[in-house]
Protein backbone atom coordinates (compact mmCIF):
# COMPACT_ATOMS: atom_id res chain seq x y z
CA MET A 1 92.50 54.55 123.38
CA ASN A 2 90.65 57.16 121.28
CA ARG A 3 93.73 57.74 119.16
CA ARG A 4 94.15 54.01 118.51
CA LEU A 5 90.49 53.71 117.58
CA ALA A 6 90.79 56.66 115.17
CA LEU A 7 93.87 55.13 113.52
CA LEU A 8 92.05 51.80 113.08
CA THR A 9 88.87 53.33 111.62
CA LEU A 10 90.57 55.78 109.21
CA PRO A 11 91.54 53.12 106.58
CA LEU A 12 88.00 51.69 106.76
CA LEU A 13 86.44 55.15 106.16
CA LEU A 14 88.77 55.80 103.22
CA LEU A 15 87.85 52.43 101.69
CA LEU A 16 84.12 53.16 102.05
CA ALA A 17 84.49 56.62 100.52
CA THR A 18 86.37 55.19 97.53
CA ALA A 19 83.77 52.48 97.00
CA CYS A 20 80.88 54.98 97.09
CA THR A 21 82.56 57.22 94.52
CA ALA A 22 83.37 54.34 92.21
CA ASP A 23 79.88 52.82 92.44
CA SER A 24 77.89 56.04 92.23
CA GLU A 25 79.65 57.69 89.31
CA THR A 26 80.36 56.47 85.80
CA PRO A 27 84.05 56.84 84.92
CA ALA A 28 84.79 59.97 82.87
CA PRO A 29 85.91 58.13 79.69
CA ALA A 30 82.66 56.15 79.67
CA ARG A 31 80.60 59.35 80.13
CA GLN A 32 82.47 61.06 77.28
CA ALA A 33 82.00 58.03 75.00
CA THR A 34 78.27 57.96 75.78
CA ALA A 35 77.89 61.65 74.95
CA ALA A 36 79.91 61.31 71.75
CA ALA A 37 77.72 58.39 70.63
CA ARG A 38 74.51 60.45 70.89
CA PRO A 39 73.67 62.86 68.08
CA SER A 40 74.37 66.48 69.00
CA PRO A 41 71.30 68.59 69.82
CA PHE A 42 73.08 71.71 68.53
CA GLU A 43 73.23 73.07 64.99
CA GLY A 44 76.54 73.06 63.14
CA CYS A 45 78.80 76.10 62.93
CA ALA A 46 79.62 76.11 59.22
CA ASP A 47 77.57 79.21 58.37
CA LEU A 48 78.68 81.39 61.30
CA THR A 49 81.28 83.09 59.12
CA ASP A 50 78.97 83.50 56.11
CA GLY A 51 77.34 86.83 55.78
CA PRO A 52 76.75 89.46 56.66
CA VAL A 53 73.36 88.53 58.14
CA GLY A 54 72.17 92.12 58.32
CA PRO A 55 72.96 95.19 56.22
CA GLY A 56 75.89 97.35 57.25
CA ASN A 57 74.76 100.68 58.63
CA GLY A 58 77.62 103.09 58.68
CA GLU A 59 80.91 103.40 60.49
CA ALA A 60 82.08 100.51 62.66
CA THR A 61 82.16 101.21 66.38
CA GLY A 62 83.21 98.94 69.22
CA ASP A 63 85.98 96.37 69.39
CA PRO A 64 86.20 93.19 67.33
CA LEU A 65 85.96 89.83 69.07
CA PRO A 66 89.26 88.41 70.38
CA GLU A 67 91.63 86.70 67.94
CA LEU A 68 90.71 83.19 69.06
CA THR A 69 89.70 80.03 67.24
CA LEU A 70 87.27 77.59 68.86
CA THR A 71 86.04 74.15 67.92
CA CYS A 72 82.40 73.50 67.10
CA PHE A 73 80.50 71.08 69.37
CA THR A 74 79.32 69.17 66.28
CA GLY A 75 82.80 68.97 64.73
CA GLY A 76 83.92 70.36 61.40
CA ALA A 77 86.30 73.23 60.80
CA PRO A 78 87.29 75.41 63.77
CA VAL A 79 85.72 78.87 63.91
CA ALA A 80 87.77 82.05 64.18
CA LEU A 81 85.76 84.39 66.40
CA ARG A 82 86.75 87.47 64.39
CA ASP A 83 85.24 85.84 61.28
CA ILE A 84 81.77 85.50 62.83
CA ARG A 85 79.28 87.63 60.91
CA GLY A 86 76.80 89.74 62.86
CA PRO A 87 74.51 90.89 64.09
CA ALA A 88 74.83 88.20 66.71
CA VAL A 89 74.28 87.43 70.36
CA VAL A 90 76.98 85.20 71.84
CA ASN A 91 76.07 83.46 75.10
CA ILE A 92 78.95 82.03 77.19
CA TRP A 93 77.65 79.38 79.58
CA ALA A 94 78.31 76.11 81.42
CA SER A 95 76.03 73.28 82.51
CA TRP A 96 77.22 73.56 86.14
CA CYS A 97 76.07 77.22 86.32
CA PRO A 98 72.43 77.59 87.58
CA PRO A 99 71.84 81.07 86.06
CA CYS A 100 73.15 79.74 82.72
CA ARG A 101 70.66 76.88 82.76
CA LYS A 102 67.87 79.28 83.72
CA GLU A 103 68.46 81.64 80.78
CA LEU A 104 69.23 79.14 78.00
CA PRO A 105 65.55 78.63 77.00
CA ALA A 106 65.24 82.40 76.44
CA PHE A 107 68.23 82.28 74.08
CA GLN A 108 66.64 79.38 72.20
CA ARG A 109 63.42 81.38 71.81
CA LEU A 110 65.47 84.38 70.62
CA HIS A 111 67.14 82.08 68.06
CA GLU A 112 63.74 80.94 66.78
CA ARG A 113 62.15 84.41 66.70
CA THR A 114 65.00 86.18 64.92
CA GLU A 115 66.10 83.55 62.40
CA GLY A 116 67.58 85.24 59.34
CA GLN A 117 67.84 88.54 61.19
CA LEU A 118 70.16 87.77 64.12
CA ARG A 119 72.52 84.94 64.95
CA VAL A 120 72.41 83.32 68.40
CA ILE A 121 75.62 81.46 69.21
CA GLY A 122 76.62 79.55 72.32
CA VAL A 123 80.10 79.16 73.79
CA ASN A 124 80.23 76.27 76.23
CA SER A 125 82.96 77.15 78.74
CA ARG A 126 84.98 74.90 81.07
CA ASP A 127 82.43 72.11 80.88
CA SER A 128 82.18 68.42 80.07
CA ARG A 129 80.82 67.33 76.72
CA ASP A 130 78.28 65.16 78.51
CA GLY A 131 77.06 68.08 80.65
CA ALA A 132 76.61 70.37 77.64
CA GLN A 133 74.97 67.61 75.60
CA SER A 134 72.49 66.81 78.38
CA ILE A 135 71.51 70.47 78.81
CA GLY A 136 71.03 70.83 75.06
CA GLU A 137 68.77 67.78 75.02
CA ASP A 138 66.83 68.62 78.20
CA PHE A 139 66.27 72.31 77.41
CA GLY A 140 65.76 71.97 73.65
CA VAL A 141 68.76 74.19 72.84
CA ARG A 142 69.49 74.00 69.11
CA PHE A 143 71.57 77.05 68.16
CA PRO A 144 75.23 76.57 67.11
CA MET A 145 77.62 75.80 69.95
CA LEU A 146 81.34 76.52 70.19
CA VAL A 147 83.56 74.94 72.86
CA ASP A 148 86.02 76.84 75.07
CA GLN A 149 87.52 74.44 77.62
CA GLY A 150 90.14 76.91 78.84
CA GLU A 151 87.96 80.03 79.35
CA ALA A 152 90.03 81.79 76.67
CA VAL A 153 87.12 83.98 75.58
CA GLN A 154 86.37 85.15 79.12
CA ARG A 155 90.04 85.93 79.75
CA ALA A 156 90.31 87.87 76.48
CA LEU A 157 87.18 89.87 77.39
CA ARG A 158 88.54 90.37 80.93
CA ARG A 159 85.44 88.83 82.48
CA ASN A 160 85.67 85.89 84.85
CA ALA A 161 82.04 84.89 85.38
CA VAL A 162 79.33 83.02 83.52
CA PRO A 163 76.80 83.58 82.16
CA LEU A 164 78.25 86.23 79.91
CA THR A 165 76.49 87.59 76.83
CA VAL A 166 78.20 89.52 74.03
CA PHE A 167 76.19 91.61 71.56
CA LEU A 168 77.78 91.99 68.10
CA ASP A 169 76.53 94.56 65.61
CA ASP A 170 76.09 94.00 61.87
CA GLN A 171 79.79 94.74 61.38
CA SER A 172 80.72 92.10 63.96
CA ARG A 173 81.88 94.64 66.54
CA VAL A 174 81.24 94.23 70.26
CA ARG A 175 78.52 96.69 71.24
CA HIS A 176 77.79 95.42 74.74
CA ILE A 177 78.83 92.72 77.20
CA ASP A 178 76.26 91.70 79.79
CA SER A 179 77.23 89.92 83.00
CA SER A 180 74.17 90.80 85.08
CA GLY A 181 72.99 87.21 85.60
CA ALA A 182 70.21 85.16 84.04
CA LEU A 183 68.45 87.05 81.25
CA ASP A 184 64.76 86.48 80.53
CA ASP A 185 62.91 87.06 77.24
CA ALA A 186 61.98 90.67 77.99
CA ARG A 187 65.46 91.73 79.12
CA LEU A 188 67.11 89.95 76.21
CA ALA A 189 64.76 91.64 73.71
CA GLU A 190 65.47 95.02 75.33
CA LEU A 191 69.25 94.51 75.12
CA VAL A 192 68.97 93.47 71.46
CA ARG A 193 66.89 96.58 70.72
CA GLN A 194 69.13 98.91 72.72
CA HIS A 195 72.51 97.70 71.47
CA LEU A 196 71.77 96.22 68.04
CA GLY A 197 68.76 98.28 66.94
CA LEU A 198 66.67 95.19 66.19
CA THR A 199 63.11 94.44 67.33
CA VAL A 200 62.55 90.89 68.53
CA PRO A 201 59.18 89.56 67.30
CA ALA A 202 56.81 88.52 70.12
């Protein structure tokens, strides 16, 4: 009796589950089209390879960024990571990652406080365009944003978690990679001072 009842109710439960999913969620193509129709909150990436931003200060130390090319969230020519001119702070994040969302406003403030002195660059990793767009709009994130759907940067750096922050010196060499979790203003300023020798204005 119980087995017959279970067999009769299973198709009904599957039908209800399908209906809830279809009604409660906009289909992915429609979400992507909506995001693409809205203007991007992020700056373009055209000047990331112009430079250098800061003066060179001696012999290069550290490794260069991986030999990868990523697309810019706003479109335009792809960006070769090794061509990015430092000093720069590269934040790898995703909208589905709570620590990433928590720290993004601190990176935006760093971008504003160090304009002309330090580049702040985002790499949106394994995310939907709609998710990244919404976070940019909601959190007021404006710095340039690259897109890495396949986690190629993380794999090349041999790190498998987000958020991940890479500090590049004025010769575009990796001086430090931070994977300690959400960074606040004070910690970010300290890391910039310690690894890049720059003072972040208050």
